[in-house]
């Protein structure tokens, strides 16, 4: 038994996430966690809501709620949706927790003590009417390059030109619309990432098994242009973790908070601590996952994230860990993903374009979405969600292959032998060939899952389902029964045991359907098939079963067309 720490990039608090967010981090992380648990490993699967920063403040203001209330409510909303999607977190924490306050302040203190923090005076736009400094993206104005009148202070989304707030013509606050702005000096803390570059580069170079997507992004930020830059880790905001050196004040930093991207990854550690607290466990229970000097030497740590999060997890968070000088666990493997696009364009929260997690569950059960998203995971390039493809995949893979197999064999057995597994007969050449083929496919499936190759794993699982259908078609127990009832009994017994086997193998992908299959077979035997022949005899003659409800209903053309119309939003 090995020990596996798994973290998913933590979703931002300001709203419900769309399917692209789901497949880019939480869902593949859940797949891997479920698989490893089934193989008998000890797993700690952590996620949380990311609750600090200006977007959280603006979302709360728009909702007309105090920010602490808004974040608490949205955390519960996101946690409930995650449960309904079957995301099996060991703990789903909050970056605004007291644990994260203490740990973030601790890391900042350590970094400062080791000489990795510097104070920088910079000029920022201050909104007199709003009574606050404005982050670059919350200043709007006219682009001097193309004349677009809603350019932001960091970039014009119309012509993509990089901007400074002072470049804008007629700048205004994106919060209030006020033009009563002035440039003021303010001091901030910077993490000296450039000074840590050699350490970070050596660490990245040691990761020869990482996906090309991960390492290429990391090296681009390390080496392109002026290379790795120092990064501001404080902000002039009210909402966030107050700037302290450990538990001591930080002179000159009064009223400031840590930048959300400094404290967010630290929440992985804090959330593990929150989970231990919730169970009434001592600190040693969470520290054994994170401290190399307290038991984490044998932990394999895997992170899941979209490609936009890679720079922070390959550079900034490792800089925090390395710069602390303390024996904290660094990530062993980063599984990063490209983007999921939607029906010829982009998902758009503001324009209501695409399918969001709560909407998806209002249309179809979670397993329909889990299967499509994972079997089309954007690993080697971007993937596109189209309603035609979704309909075809669900109907062919889930309804025709898996669901049809379960329905045919259970209904036939009930009609000829009753609702108990029949006895009699022994394997012939066809059954021996099936055992051999299943063994090869299952070992390949394990290899792909072990290496977190998600689309290949899904294809292998589908091929395993197909083997059962092909066997059933060739064996034709409904014909065999007329001349050799004992042989038909053996064929049916094998088929019913295949249902249990399929439930076990499919559970990481489609956990709710897997549970339904096991319930129908009246067993909770979830033993992984080390030996296929043994697995196909797990349910003995005389064991009772029931014919399940339809596992997967087909998607009609009418439903497909209706959904496509409903979720098209406004074209980008």
Protein backbone atom coordinates (compact mmCIF):
# COMPACT_ATOMS: atom_id res chain seq x y z
CA UNK A 1 0.00 0.00 0.00
CA UNK A 2 1.36 3.40 -1.03
CA UNK A 3 0.36 6.84 0.22
CA UNK A 4 -0.98 9.36 -2.30
CA UNK A 5 -1.66 13.05 -1.73
CA UNK A 6 -3.88 14.51 -4.46
CA UNK A 7 -4.89 18.16 -4.85
CA UNK A 8 -7.16 19.79 -7.39
CA UNK A 9 -6.74 23.46 -8.31
CA UNK A 10 -9.12 25.28 -6.01
CA UNK A 11 -12.12 26.89 -7.74
CA UNK A 12 -12.72 30.58 -7.31
CA UNK A 13 -15.62 31.57 -5.06
CA UNK A 14 -17.38 34.01 -7.40
CA UNK A 15 -19.98 31.75 -8.96
CA UNK A 16 -20.70 28.24 -10.15
CA UNK A 17 -18.09 26.70 -12.41
CA UNK A 18 -18.69 25.47 -15.97
CA UNK A 19 -17.86 22.03 -17.39
CA UNK A 20 -14.50 23.26 -18.68
CA UNK A 21 -13.43 24.12 -15.13
CA UNK A 22 -14.65 20.72 -13.93
CA UNK A 23 -12.71 18.62 -16.46
CA UNK A 24 -9.59 20.76 -16.04
CA UNK A 25 -8.95 19.84 -12.41
CA UNK A 26 -11.54 18.42 -10.01
CA UNK A 27 -12.99 15.59 -12.10
CA UNK A 28 -9.73 13.94 -13.27
CA UNK A 29 -8.35 14.31 -9.75
CA UNK A 30 -11.41 12.47 -8.45
CA UNK A 31 -10.98 9.73 -11.05
CA UNK A 32 -7.40 9.15 -9.91
CA UNK A 33 -8.28 9.28 -6.20
CA UNK A 34 -11.10 6.77 -6.61
CA UNK A 35 -8.89 4.42 -8.62
CA UNK A 36 -6.04 4.50 -6.10
CA UNK A 37 -8.42 3.84 -3.20
CA UNK A 38 -9.83 0.84 -5.06
CA UNK A 39 -6.30 -0.50 -5.52
CA UNK A 40 -5.87 -0.41 -1.75
CA UNK A 41 -3.72 2.70 -1.39
CA UNK A 42 -4.04 5.35 1.32
CA UNK A 43 -5.31 8.54 -0.33
CA UNK A 44 -5.69 12.13 0.86
CA UNK A 45 -7.71 14.08 -1.74
CA UNK A 46 -7.92 17.81 -1.02
CA UNK A 47 -9.70 20.76 -2.59
CA UNK A 48 -11.16 24.06 -1.34
CA UNK A 49 -12.77 27.30 -2.41
CA UNK A 50 -10.45 30.20 -3.29
CA UNK A 51 -12.05 33.13 -1.46
CA UNK A 52 -9.77 36.17 -1.51
CA UNK A 53 -9.07 38.95 -4.00
CA UNK A 54 -11.00 41.73 -5.69
CA UNK A 55 -13.32 39.46 -7.76
CA UNK A 56 -14.74 38.05 -4.51
CA UNK A 57 -15.38 41.55 -3.20
CA UNK A 58 -17.10 42.60 -6.41
CA UNK A 59 -19.23 39.45 -6.58
CA UNK A 60 -20.37 40.01 -2.99
CA UNK A 61 -21.18 43.67 -3.70
CA UNK A 62 -23.16 42.66 -6.78
CA UNK A 63 -25.09 40.13 -4.68
CA UNK A 64 -25.71 42.81 -2.02
CA UNK A 65 -24.14 40.73 0.74
CA UNK A 66 -21.24 41.18 3.18
CA UNK A 67 -18.26 39.41 1.67
CA UNK A 68 -17.84 36.92 4.53
CA UNK A 69 -21.51 35.92 4.22
CA UNK A 70 -21.28 35.66 0.44
CA UNK A 71 -18.19 33.45 0.58
CA UNK A 72 -19.70 31.16 3.23
CA UNK A 73 -22.86 30.72 1.16
CA UNK A 74 -21.02 30.13 -2.12
CA UNK A 75 -18.74 27.62 -0.44
CA UNK A 76 -21.80 25.57 0.55
CA UNK A 77 -23.21 25.85 -2.98
CA UNK A 78 -19.97 24.64 -4.55
CA UNK A 79 -19.57 21.86 -1.96
CA UNK A 80 -23.10 20.58 -2.64
CA UNK A 81 -22.59 20.57 -6.41
CA UNK A 82 -19.29 18.74 -5.93
CA UNK A 83 -21.04 16.07 -3.84
CA UNK A 84 -23.72 15.68 -6.50
CA UNK A 85 -21.04 15.13 -9.14
CA UNK A 86 -19.53 12.41 -6.95
CA UNK A 87 -16.31 14.30 -6.22
CA UNK A 88 -14.85 12.29 -3.35
CA UNK A 89 -12.77 14.91 -1.53
CA UNK A 90 -11.41 13.87 1.84
CA UNK A 91 -11.88 17.53 2.73
CA UNK A 92 -13.22 20.53 0.81
CA UNK A 93 -11.79 23.52 2.63
CA UNK A 94 -11.86 27.32 2.50
CA UNK A 95 -8.89 29.58 1.84
CA UNK A 96 -10.36 32.10 4.30
CA UNK A 97 -9.96 29.59 7.15
CA UNK A 98 -8.00 30.39 10.30
CA UNK A 99 -5.63 27.55 9.39
CA UNK A 100 -4.74 29.28 6.13
CA UNK A 101 -4.29 32.62 7.88
CA UNK A 102 -1.75 31.12 10.26
CA UNK A 103 0.11 29.07 7.64
CA UNK A 104 0.29 31.90 5.09
CA UNK A 105 1.65 34.31 7.70
CA UNK A 106 4.10 31.61 8.81
CA UNK A 107 5.46 31.09 5.28
CA UNK A 108 5.80 34.84 4.75
CA UNK A 109 7.76 35.15 7.98
CA UNK A 110 10.09 32.30 7.01
CA UNK A 111 10.68 33.75 3.54
CA UNK A 112 11.53 37.14 5.04
CA UNK A 113 13.86 35.62 7.64
CA UNK A 114 15.71 33.80 4.84
CA UNK A 115 16.11 36.95 2.73
CA UNK A 116 13.62 36.13 -0.01
CA UNK A 117 11.28 39.09 0.56
CA UNK A 118 11.94 42.66 -0.56
CA UNK A 119 9.92 45.87 -0.18
CA UNK A 120 9.12 47.71 -3.40
CA UNK A 121 7.57 51.14 -3.75
CA UNK A 122 5.29 51.36 -6.76
CA UNK A 123 2.72 53.74 -8.14
CA UNK A 124 -0.89 52.60 -8.34
CA UNK A 125 -4.16 54.18 -9.31
CA UNK A 126 -6.25 55.24 -6.32
CA UNK A 127 -10.00 55.88 -6.62
CA UNK A 128 -10.90 58.73 -4.31
CA UNK A 129 -14.63 58.06 -4.51
CA UNK A 130 -14.18 54.32 -3.87
CA UNK A 131 -11.59 55.02 -1.16
CA UNK A 132 -9.25 52.29 -2.41
CA UNK A 133 -6.39 51.38 -4.69
CA UNK A 134 -7.58 49.74 -7.88
CA UNK A 135 -5.94 46.61 -9.29
CA UNK A 136 -5.04 47.15 -12.96
CA UNK A 137 -7.92 45.04 -14.24
CA UNK A 138 -10.44 47.17 -12.32
CA UNK A 139 -9.54 50.30 -14.21
CA UNK A 140 -11.32 50.80 -17.52
CA UNK A 141 -10.88 53.32 -20.28
CA UNK A 142 -10.32 53.81 -23.98
CA UNK A 143 -7.46 51.88 -25.58
CA UNK A 144 -4.87 54.25 -27.09
CA UNK A 145 -4.08 51.60 -29.70
CA UNK A 146 -7.48 50.66 -31.15
CA UNK A 147 -9.99 53.00 -29.51
CA UNK A 148 -11.96 50.23 -27.72
CA UNK A 149 -13.81 52.00 -24.89
CA UNK A 150 -13.79 49.12 -22.37
CA UNK A 151 -10.08 48.33 -22.30
CA UNK A 152 -8.73 47.26 -18.90
CA UNK A 153 -5.69 48.63 -17.16
CA UNK A 154 -3.67 45.49 -17.84
CA UNK A 155 -4.75 44.62 -21.40
CA UNK A 156 -7.16 45.57 -24.17
CA UNK A 157 -9.24 42.48 -24.87
CA UNK A 158 -10.18 43.91 -28.27
CA UNK A 159 -6.68 44.28 -29.77
CA UNK A 160 -4.83 42.27 -27.03
CA UNK A 161 -2.25 45.05 -26.51
CA UNK A 162 -0.65 44.93 -23.04
CA UNK A 163 -1.32 48.20 -21.19
CA UNK A 164 -0.57 50.11 -18.02
CA UNK A 165 -3.45 51.97 -16.34
CA UNK A 166 -1.75 55.29 -17.16
CA UNK A 167 -1.95 54.42 -20.88
CA UNK A 168 -5.75 54.52 -20.87
CA UNK A 169 -7.67 57.50 -22.24
CA UNK A 170 -10.34 58.74 -19.81
CA UNK A 171 -9.73 56.02 -17.20
CA UNK A 172 -12.50 55.18 -14.73
CA UNK A 173 -13.13 52.78 -11.86
CA UNK A 174 -14.65 49.50 -13.04
CA UNK A 175 -16.23 49.24 -9.60
CA UNK A 176 -18.12 52.53 -9.42
CA UNK A 177 -17.50 54.21 -12.78
CA UNK A 178 -15.84 57.13 -11.01
CA UNK A 179 -13.26 59.15 -12.95
CA UNK A 180 -11.98 60.77 -9.75
CA UNK A 181 -8.69 58.88 -9.87
CA UNK A 182 -5.11 59.74 -8.98
CA UNK A 183 -1.77 57.95 -8.96
CA UNK A 184 -0.38 57.34 -5.47
CA UNK A 185 2.74 55.67 -4.16
CA UNK A 186 2.32 52.49 -2.14
CA UNK A 187 4.71 49.85 -0.81
CA UNK A 188 4.37 46.13 -1.38
CA UNK A 189 6.24 42.95 -0.53
CA UNK A 190 7.79 40.99 -3.40
CA UNK A 191 8.90 37.37 -3.40
CA UNK A 192 12.40 37.28 -4.88
CA UNK A 193 11.68 34.52 -7.38
CA UNK A 194 14.56 35.55 -9.66
CA UNK A 195 17.05 34.81 -6.89
CA UNK A 196 15.48 31.36 -6.51
CA UNK A 197 15.52 30.66 -10.24
CA UNK A 198 18.42 28.17 -10.22
CA UNK A 199 16.83 26.11 -7.45
CA UNK A 200 13.46 26.08 -9.20
CA UNK A 201 15.00 25.26 -12.59
CA UNK A 202 16.97 22.34 -11.15
CA UNK A 203 13.83 21.00 -9.51
CA UNK A 204 11.81 21.28 -12.76
CA UNK A 205 14.63 19.64 -14.75
CA UNK A 206 14.50 16.67 -12.36
CA UNK A 207 10.87 15.98 -13.33
CA UNK A 208 11.49 13.95 -16.47
CA UNK A 209 8.09 12.23 -16.35
CA UNK A 210 5.94 15.38 -16.33
CA UNK A 211 3.57 16.09 -19.25
CA UNK A 212 5.12 18.25 -21.97
CA UNK A 213 2.33 20.78 -21.45
CA UNK A 214 3.42 21.28 -17.83
CA UNK A 215 7.17 21.58 -18.40
CA UNK A 216 6.87 23.71 -21.54
CA UNK A 217 4.80 26.33 -19.71
CA UNK A 218 7.14 26.28 -16.71
CA UNK A 219 10.26 26.71 -18.87
CA UNK A 220 8.62 29.48 -20.90
CA UNK A 221 8.08 31.50 -17.72
CA UNK A 222 11.58 30.65 -16.49
CA UNK A 223 13.50 31.57 -19.62
CA UNK A 224 11.54 33.60 -22.19
CA UNK A 225 12.10 37.34 -22.46
CA UNK A 226 13.51 38.66 -19.20
CA UNK A 227 12.91 35.27 -17.55
CA UNK A 228 11.46 34.63 -14.10
CA UNK A 229 10.38 37.84 -12.40
CA UNK A 230 9.96 38.76 -8.75
CA UNK A 231 6.30 38.69 -7.79
CA UNK A 232 4.23 40.95 -5.57
CA UNK A 233 2.64 39.00 -2.71
CA UNK A 234 0.63 41.81 -1.06
CA UNK A 235 -2.33 43.97 -2.05
CA UNK A 236 -4.13 47.08 -0.79
CA UNK A 237 -7.45 45.38 -0.06
CA UNK A 238 -9.71 44.91 2.94
CA UNK A 239 -10.59 41.25 2.34
CA UNK A 240 -7.81 38.73 2.70
CA UNK A 241 -5.16 37.44 5.08
CA UNK A 242 -3.57 40.35 6.99
CA UNK A 243 0.15 40.80 6.33
CA UNK A 244 2.18 39.55 9.29
CA UNK A 245 5.58 37.96 9.93
CA UNK A 246 4.31 34.80 11.49
CA UNK A 247 2.30 36.05 14.46
CA UNK A 248 4.16 39.39 14.62
CA UNK A 249 3.18 42.73 12.99
CA UNK A 250 4.95 43.72 9.75
CA UNK A 251 5.95 47.39 10.07
CA UNK A 252 4.85 49.45 7.09
CA UNK A 253 2.38 46.79 5.89
CA UNK A 254 -0.52 47.79 8.12
CA UNK A 255 -3.91 47.47 6.41
CA UNK A 256 -2.57 45.29 3.60
CA UNK A 257 -3.40 41.66 2.84
CA UNK A 258 -1.51 38.87 1.09
CA UNK A 259 -2.14 38.50 -2.63
CA UNK A 260 -4.67 35.76 -3.37
CA UNK A 261 -2.17 33.82 -5.49
CA UNK A 262 0.25 33.69 -2.56
CA UNK A 263 -2.23 32.26 -0.06
CA UNK A 264 -4.33 30.05 -2.40
CA UNK A 265 -1.82 27.18 -2.91
CA UNK A 266 -0.96 27.24 0.80
CA UNK A 267 -4.61 26.32 1.34
CA UNK A 268 -3.80 22.80 0.09
CA UNK A 269 -1.84 22.35 3.31
CA UNK A 270 -4.35 24.32 5.38
CA UNK A 271 -7.31 22.32 4.04
CA UNK A 272 -5.61 19.09 5.07
CA UNK A 273 -5.29 20.57 8.55
CA UNK A 274 -8.94 21.70 8.46
CA UNK A 275 -9.95 18.14 7.65
CA UNK A 276 -8.00 16.79 10.61
CA UNK A 277 -9.55 19.43 12.87
CA UNK A 278 -13.03 18.45 11.70
CA UNK A 279 -12.36 14.86 12.73
CA UNK A 280 -10.87 15.87 16.07
CA UNK A 281 -7.43 14.55 15.09
CA UNK A 282 -4.07 15.91 16.32
CA UNK A 283 -1.76 17.98 14.11
CA UNK A 284 0.36 14.90 13.43
CA UNK A 285 -2.54 13.54 11.32
CA UNK A 286 -2.13 16.24 8.68
CA UNK A 287 1.58 16.93 9.08
CA UNK A 288 2.39 13.32 8.11
CA UNK A 289 1.16 14.25 4.61
CA UNK A 290 3.13 17.48 4.29
CA UNK A 291 6.27 17.43 6.44
CA UNK A 292 9.19 15.31 5.27
CA UNK A 293 10.48 15.19 8.84
CA UNK A 294 7.14 13.93 10.17
CA UNK A 295 6.27 11.06 7.85
CA UNK A 296 5.74 12.50 4.35
CA UNK A 297 8.88 10.93 2.84
CA UNK A 298 6.82 8.06 1.41
CA UNK A 299 4.01 10.27 0.04
CA UNK A 300 3.51 10.68 -3.73
CA UNK A 301 1.97 14.11 -4.35
CA UNK A 302 -0.02 14.70 -7.58
CA UNK A 303 -1.61 18.01 -8.56
CA UNK A 304 -4.36 18.50 -11.18
CA UNK A 305 -4.99 21.83 -12.91
CA UNK A 306 -5.78 23.71 -16.11
CA UNK A 307 -2.82 25.07 -18.05
CA UNK A 308 -3.48 28.64 -16.90
CA UNK A 309 -2.60 27.58 -13.35
CA UNK A 310 0.69 25.89 -14.25
CA UNK A 311 3.01 28.93 -13.73
CA UNK A 312 1.83 29.38 -10.15
CA UNK A 313 2.25 25.70 -9.29
CA UNK A 314 5.61 25.17 -11.03
CA UNK A 315 7.21 28.48 -9.99
CA UNK A 316 5.51 30.59 -7.33
CA UNK A 317 4.28 27.93 -4.91
CA UNK A 318 7.54 25.93 -5.17
CA UNK A 319 9.42 29.20 -4.55
CA UNK A 320 7.41 29.60 -1.33
CA UNK A 321 8.15 26.03 -0.24
CA UNK A 322 11.84 26.07 -1.18
CA UNK A 323 12.36 29.58 0.17
CA UNK A 324 10.91 28.65 3.57
CA UNK A 325 13.93 26.45 4.20
CA UNK A 326 11.62 23.98 5.94
CA UNK A 327 11.06 20.31 4.96
CA UNK A 328 7.65 20.67 3.30
CA UNK A 329 6.53 18.22 0.64
CA UNK A 330 6.92 19.43 -2.96
CA UNK A 331 4.71 18.09 -5.74
CA UNK A 332 5.91 14.95 -7.53
CA UNK A 333 3.67 15.09 -10.61
CA UNK A 334 1.60 17.87 -12.16
CA UNK A 335 -1.18 16.75 -14.49
CA UNK A 336 -2.19 19.79 -16.51
CA UNK A 337 -4.96 20.15 -19.06
CA UNK A 338 -5.70 22.25 -22.12
CA UNK A 339 -9.09 23.94 -22.52
CA UNK A 340 -12.53 22.55 -23.20
CA UNK A 341 -14.27 24.76 -25.75
CA UNK A 342 -18.01 24.94 -26.27
CA UNK A 343 -19.80 24.33 -29.56
CA UNK A 344 -17.55 26.39 -31.81
CA UNK A 345 -16.57 29.04 -29.26
CA UNK A 346 -15.64 29.61 -25.65
CA UNK A 347 -17.52 28.99 -22.44
CA UNK A 348 -18.58 32.41 -21.17
CA UNK A 349 -19.82 33.04 -17.65
CA UNK A 350 -20.77 36.65 -18.37
CA UNK A 351 -22.66 35.78 -21.55
CA UNK A 352 -24.34 32.65 -20.19
CA UNK A 353 -22.79 30.54 -22.92
CA UNK A 354 -22.10 26.88 -22.22
CA UNK A 355 -23.19 24.41 -19.56
CA UNK A 356 -22.48 25.08 -15.89
CA UNK A 357 -22.24 22.40 -13.22
CA UNK A 358 -25.61 23.00 -11.60
CA UNK A 359 -27.35 23.21 -14.97
CA UNK A 360 -25.73 19.99 -16.14
CA UNK A 361 -27.13 18.08 -13.16
CA UNK A 362 -30.60 19.52 -13.75
CA UNK A 363 -30.60 17.88 -17.21
CA UNK A 364 -28.96 14.49 -16.68
CA UNK A 365 -27.36 12.46 -13.86
CA UNK A 366 -23.71 13.05 -13.05
CA UNK A 367 -22.37 9.88 -14.69
CA UNK A 368 -23.44 11.00 -18.16
CA UNK A 369 -21.26 14.11 -17.77
CA UNK A 370 -18.43 12.33 -15.97
CA UNK A 371 -18.11 9.78 -18.79
CA UNK A 372 -18.17 12.28 -21.62
CA UNK A 373 -15.82 14.76 -19.98
CA UNK A 374 -13.24 12.18 -18.93
CA UNK A 375 -13.34 10.23 -22.20
CA UNK A 376 -12.78 13.55 -24.01
CA UNK A 377 -10.36 15.11 -21.50
CA UNK A 378 -8.26 17.88 -23.14
CA UNK A 379 -4.89 16.24 -22.53
CA UNK A 380 -2.87 16.59 -25.75
CA UNK A 381 -4.81 19.62 -27.04
CA UNK A 382 -8.04 21.54 -26.58
CA UNK A 383 -11.26 19.49 -26.74
CA UNK A 384 -14.60 20.75 -27.99
CA UNK A 385 -17.96 20.01 -26.44
CA UNK A 386 -20.72 19.68 -29.01
CA UNK A 387 -24.21 18.40 -28.33
CA UNK A 388 -24.02 15.97 -31.26
CA UNK A 389 -20.84 14.41 -29.92
CA UNK A 390 -22.24 14.27 -26.39
CA UNK A 391 -25.41 12.53 -27.60
CA UNK A 392 -23.48 10.01 -29.70
CA UNK A 393 -21.02 9.20 -26.93
CA UNK A 394 -23.71 8.69 -24.30
CA UNK A 395 -25.92 6.63 -26.59
CA UNK A 396 -23.18 4.44 -28.02
CA UNK A 397 -20.88 3.97 -25.03
CA UNK A 398 -23.18 4.08 -22.03
CA UNK A 399 -26.56 2.99 -23.39
CA UNK A 400 -25.68 0.61 -26.24
CA UNK A 401 -22.52 -1.01 -24.86
CA UNK A 402 -22.69 -1.05 -21.06
CA UNK A 403 -26.38 -0.52 -20.32
CA UNK A 404 -27.52 -2.92 -23.02
CA UNK A 405 -25.23 -5.69 -21.74
CA UNK A 406 -26.56 -5.40 -18.19
CA UNK A 407 -30.17 -5.33 -19.34
CA UNK A 408 -29.93 -8.29 -21.74
CA UNK A 409 -28.21 -10.73 -19.42
CA UNK A 410 -30.28 -9.97 -16.32
CA UNK A 411 -33.60 -10.10 -18.18
CA UNK A 412 -32.70 -13.34 -19.97
CA UNK A 413 -31.61 -15.02 -16.74
CA UNK A 414 -34.81 -13.97 -14.99
CA UNK A 415 -36.94 -15.38 -17.81
CA UNK A 416 -35.19 -18.78 -17.96
CA UNK A 417 -33.59 -19.38 -14.54
CA UNK A 418 -35.29 -16.93 -12.17
CA UNK A 419 -33.57 -14.23 -10.12
CA UNK A 420 -30.75 -16.41 -8.83
CA UNK A 421 -27.46 -17.23 -10.51
CA UNK A 422 -27.83 -20.66 -12.19
CA UNK A 423 -25.49 -23.61 -11.68
CA UNK A 424 -24.13 -26.11 -14.16
CA UNK A 425 -21.78 -26.23 -17.13
CA UNK A 426 -18.07 -25.47 -17.39
CA UNK A 427 -15.90 -23.18 -19.48
CA UNK A 428 -15.15 -23.98 -23.10
CA UNK A 429 -12.73 -22.39 -25.59
CA UNK A 430 -14.88 -19.23 -25.95
CA UNK A 431 -14.81 -18.57 -22.19
CA UNK A 432 -11.08 -19.25 -21.95
CA UNK A 433 -10.48 -16.78 -24.78
CA UNK A 434 -12.62 -14.20 -22.99
CA UNK A 435 -10.64 -14.61 -19.74
CA UNK A 436 -7.40 -14.11 -21.67
CA UNK A 437 -8.69 -11.05 -23.52
CA UNK A 438 -10.11 -9.49 -20.35
CA UNK A 439 -6.85 -10.07 -18.49
CA UNK A 440 -4.85 -8.26 -21.18
CA UNK A 441 -7.29 -5.35 -21.33
CA UNK A 442 -7.52 -4.94 -17.54
CA UNK A 443 -3.73 -4.89 -17.16
CA UNK A 444 -3.55 -2.22 -19.90
CA UNK A 445 -6.31 -0.25 -18.16
CA UNK A 446 -4.35 -0.35 -14.91
CA UNK A 447 -1.20 0.88 -16.65
CA UNK A 448 -2.99 3.85 -18.21
CA UNK A 449 -4.68 4.73 -14.91
CA UNK A 450 -1.40 4.44 -13.00
CA UNK A 451 0.15 6.93 -15.43
CA UNK A 452 -2.91 9.25 -15.34
CA UNK A 453 -3.55 8.86 -19.07
CA UNK A 454 -7.24 9.56 -18.89
CA UNK A 455 -8.51 9.26 -22.44
CA UNK A 456 -6.55 6.06 -22.97
CA UNK A 457 -7.99 4.68 -19.73
CA UNK A 458 -11.52 5.49 -20.88
CA UNK A 459 -10.93 3.83 -24.27
CA UNK A 460 -9.58 0.71 -22.55
CA UNK A 461 -12.55 0.56 -20.18
CA UNK A 462 -14.97 0.82 -23.10
CA UNK A 463 -13.07 -1.99 -24.86
CA UNK A 464 -13.55 -4.14 -21.74
CA UNK A 465 -17.30 -3.50 -21.91
CA UNK A 466 -17.28 -4.40 -25.62
CA UNK A 467 -15.67 -7.79 -24.87
CA UNK A 468 -18.70 -8.75 -22.79
CA UNK A 469 -21.11 -7.74 -25.56
CA UNK A 470 -19.14 -9.63 -28.18
CA UNK A 471 -19.07 -12.72 -25.99
CA UNK A 472 -22.80 -12.54 -25.31
CA UNK A 473 -23.56 -12.10 -29.01
CA UNK A 474 -21.37 -15.07 -29.99
CA UNK A 475 -22.42 -17.36 -27.12
CA UNK A 476 -26.12 -16.57 -27.65
CA UNK A 477 -27.37 -18.27 -24.45
CA UNK A 478 -30.95 -17.75 -25.67
CA UNK A 479 -30.16 -20.21 -28.49
CA UNK A 480 -27.92 -22.48 -26.40
CA UNK A 481 -30.71 -22.87 -23.85
CA UNK A 482 -32.87 -24.74 -26.34
CA UNK A 483 -30.34 -27.57 -26.80
CA UNK A 484 -27.97 -27.39 -23.80
CA UNK A 485 -29.49 -25.67 -20.72
CA UNK A 486 -26.43 -26.43 -18.58
CA UNK A 487 -24.09 -24.67 -21.00
CA UNK A 488 -26.53 -21.74 -21.16
CA UNK A 489 -26.47 -21.62 -17.35
CA UNK A 490 -22.68 -21.31 -17.39
CA UNK A 491 -22.83 -18.55 -20.01
CA UNK A 492 -25.39 -16.63 -17.99
CA UNK A 493 -23.46 -17.11 -14.76
CA UNK A 494 -20.35 -15.69 -16.44
CA UNK A 495 -22.38 -12.77 -17.80
CA UNK A 496 -23.82 -11.88 -14.39
CA UNK A 497 -20.35 -12.01 -12.84
CA UNK A 498 -19.18 -9.69 -15.62
CA UNK A 499 -21.68 -7.12 -14.34
CA UNK A 500 -19.99 -7.12 -10.93
CA UNK A 501 -16.58 -6.95 -12.59
CA UNK A 502 -17.68 -4.05 -14.78
CA UNK A 503 -19.04 -2.21 -11.75
CA UNK A 504 -15.67 -2.48 -9.98
CA UNK A 505 -13.63 -1.41 -13.01
CA UNK A 506 -16.02 1.41 -13.97
CA UNK A 507 -16.47 2.94 -10.51
CA UNK A 508 -13.75 5.62 -10.91
CA UNK A 509 -15.48 6.91 -14.06
CA UNK A 510 -19.18 6.34 -13.32
CA UNK A 511 -19.53 5.73 -9.57
CA UNK A 512 -23.32 6.08 -9.35
CA UNK A 513 -23.96 3.53 -12.12
CA UNK A 514 -21.34 1.24 -10.56
CA UNK A 515 -23.24 1.35 -7.27
CA UNK A 516 -26.50 0.55 -9.10
CA UNK A 517 -24.87 -2.45 -10.79
CA UNK A 518 -23.55 -3.80 -7.49
CA UNK A 519 -26.93 -3.26 -5.84
CA UNK A 520 -28.61 -5.19 -8.65
CA UNK A 521 -26.15 -8.03 -8.13
CA UNK A 522 -26.84 -7.83 -4.38
CA UNK A 523 -23.18 -7.56 -3.49
CA UNK A 524 -20.77 -5.01 -2.12
CA UNK A 525 -17.75 -7.07 -3.19
CA UNK A 526 -15.57 -4.36 -4.72
CA UNK A 527 -12.38 -6.43 -4.83
CA UNK A 528 -10.12 -5.39 -7.69
CA UNK A 529 -9.61 -8.24 -10.21
CA UNK A 530 -6.07 -9.41 -9.58
CA UNK A 531 -7.04 -12.69 -11.24
CA UNK A 532 -9.85 -12.50 -13.82
CA UNK A 533 -10.87 -16.16 -13.54
CA UNK A 534 -11.36 -15.74 -9.79
CA UNK A 535 -13.25 -12.47 -10.30
CA UNK A 536 -15.67 -14.19 -12.71
CA UNK A 537 -16.62 -16.68 -9.97
CA UNK A 538 -17.21 -14.08 -7.23
CA UNK A 539 -20.99 -14.53 -7.38
CA UNK A 540 -21.71 -18.26 -6.89
CA UNK A 541 -24.67 -20.35 -8.10
CA UNK A 542 -27.74 -19.62 -6.00
CA UNK A 543 -26.76 -16.00 -5.36
CA UNK A 544 -29.76 -13.69 -5.84
CA UNK A 545 -29.92 -10.63 -8.07
CA UNK A 546 -32.46 -8.15 -9.39
CA UNK A 547 -32.99 -6.70 -12.85
CA UNK A 548 -31.95 -3.03 -12.52
CA UNK A 549 -33.73 -0.03 -13.90
CA UNK A 550 -32.34 1.25 -17.20
CA UNK A 551 -28.78 2.31 -16.37
CA UNK A 552 -28.52 4.93 -19.11
CA UNK A 553 -31.44 6.30 -21.08
CA UNK A 554 -30.64 7.39 -24.61
CA UNK A 555 -30.61 11.09 -25.46
CA UNK A 556 -33.22 11.90 -28.09
CA UNK A 557 -32.67 14.26 -30.99
CA UNK A 558 -35.39 16.49 -29.53
CA UNK A 559 -33.61 16.81 -26.17
CA UNK A 560 -30.28 17.44 -27.88
CA UNK A 561 -31.74 20.24 -30.00
CA UNK A 562 -33.53 21.80 -27.02
CA UNK A 563 -30.38 21.86 -24.89
CA UNK A 564 -28.26 23.25 -27.69
CA UNK A 565 -30.72 26.10 -28.06
CA UNK A 566 -31.02 26.71 -24.32
CA UNK A 567 -27.29 26.99 -23.62
CA UNK A 568 -26.03 28.86 -26.66
CA UNK A 569 -26.08 32.23 -24.88
CA UNK A 570 -24.65 35.05 -26.94
CA UNK A 571 -22.02 34.06 -29.48
CA UNK A 572 -18.54 35.41 -28.73
